[in-house]
Amino acid sequence: MRKKKILGIILSDKMNKTRVVGEVVKRKHKIYKKNIYYTRKYFVHDENNQSNKGDTVEIILTRPLSKKKRWNLFQIIKC
């Protein structure tokens, strides 16, 4: 089974070895048929603190690392 991967932008890098990654999701409103954008936030484990705020990254689903961390940094796509 392939692990789930998500593209997102780093919203916060203030914690040690943890990053907050936001994924922008687009949906259509059921009645008005207008596009609605909202952000999902993921807590991501970054072992070497190599990413910074504003970077575009790819994250991968892993086992639970803490109460909120279920994702691991896979690669930095754009700095």
Protein backbone atom coordinates (compact mmCIF):
# COMPACT_ATOMS: atom_id res chain seq x y z
CA MET A 1 0.00 0.00 0.00
CA ARG A 2 1.31 3.42 -0.96
CA LYS A 3 1.49 6.04 1.77
CA LYS A 4 -0.52 9.21 1.38
CA LYS A 5 1.43 12.29 0.23
CA ILE A 6 0.33 15.92 0.40
CA LEU A 7 1.75 19.15 -1.01
CA GLY A 8 1.60 22.17 1.25
CA ILE A 9 3.22 25.38 2.44
CA ILE A 10 4.92 25.77 5.81
CA LEU A 11 2.89 28.17 7.94
CA SER A 12 4.99 28.03 11.13
CA ASP A 13 8.50 26.90 12.07
CA LYS A 14 8.63 28.09 15.69
CA MET A 15 8.66 24.65 17.33
CA ASN A 16 11.75 22.45 17.52
CA LYS A 17 11.59 19.55 15.00
CA THR A 18 7.95 20.35 14.23
CA ARG A 19 6.43 22.36 11.40
CA VAL A 20 2.85 23.39 10.70
CA VAL A 21 1.97 22.76 7.06
CA GLY A 22 -1.14 24.16 5.39
CA GLU A 23 -2.93 22.55 2.46
CA VAL A 24 -5.35 24.70 0.47
CA VAL A 25 -8.55 22.84 -0.36
CA LYS A 26 -11.09 23.99 -2.95
CA ARG A 27 -14.73 22.89 -2.85
CA LYS A 28 -17.91 23.97 -4.56
CA HIS A 29 -20.80 25.22 -2.47
CA LYS A 30 -23.76 22.85 -2.79
CA ILE A 31 -26.40 25.51 -3.36
CA TYR A 32 -24.58 28.52 -4.81
CA LYS A 33 -22.00 26.57 -6.87
CA LYS A 34 -19.28 29.02 -5.83
CA ASN A 35 -15.72 27.87 -5.11
CA ILE A 36 -14.82 27.94 -1.42
CA TYR A 37 -11.16 27.81 -0.35
CA TYR A 38 -10.07 26.75 3.11
CA THR A 39 -6.83 25.57 4.73
CA ARG A 40 -6.17 22.27 6.46
CA LYS A 41 -3.31 22.31 8.96
CA TYR A 42 -0.97 19.39 9.63
CA PHE A 43 1.73 19.03 12.29
CA VAL A 44 4.81 17.62 10.55
CA HIS A 45 7.98 16.09 12.00
CA ASP A 46 11.18 17.70 10.62
CA GLU A 47 14.11 15.89 12.24
CA ASN A 48 16.90 18.24 11.10
CA ASN A 49 14.98 21.55 11.18
CA GLN A 50 15.87 22.01 7.50
CA SER A 51 12.68 23.74 6.31
CA ASN A 52 11.65 27.36 6.84
CA LYS A 53 8.43 29.33 6.80
CA GLY A 54 7.03 29.79 3.28
CA ASP A 55 8.68 26.70 1.77
CA THR A 56 6.63 24.37 -0.41
CA VAL A 57 7.03 20.83 0.89
CA GLU A 58 5.74 17.32 0.37
CA ILE A 59 4.69 15.40 3.48
CA ILE A 60 4.00 11.71 3.97
CA LEU A 61 1.71 9.89 6.42
CA THR A 62 3.50 7.89 9.16
CA ARG A 63 2.73 6.28 12.49
CA PRO A 64 1.66 8.61 15.32
CA LEU A 65 4.71 10.45 16.69
CA SER A 66 2.91 12.51 19.33
CA LYS A 67 -0.60 13.69 20.16
CA LYS A 68 -0.98 15.72 16.94
CA LYS A 69 1.96 14.66 14.73
CA ARG A 70 1.09 12.00 12.14
CA TRP A 71 3.09 13.37 9.20
CA ASN A 72 6.77 13.34 8.26
CA LEU A 73 8.64 15.74 5.97
CA PHE A 74 9.34 13.89 2.72
CA GLN A 75 11.04 16.57 0.60
CA ILE A 76 11.40 20.32 0.18
CA ILE A 77 10.19 21.28 -3.28
CA LYS A 78 10.70 25.04 -3.35
CA CYS A 79 12.55 27.28 -0.88
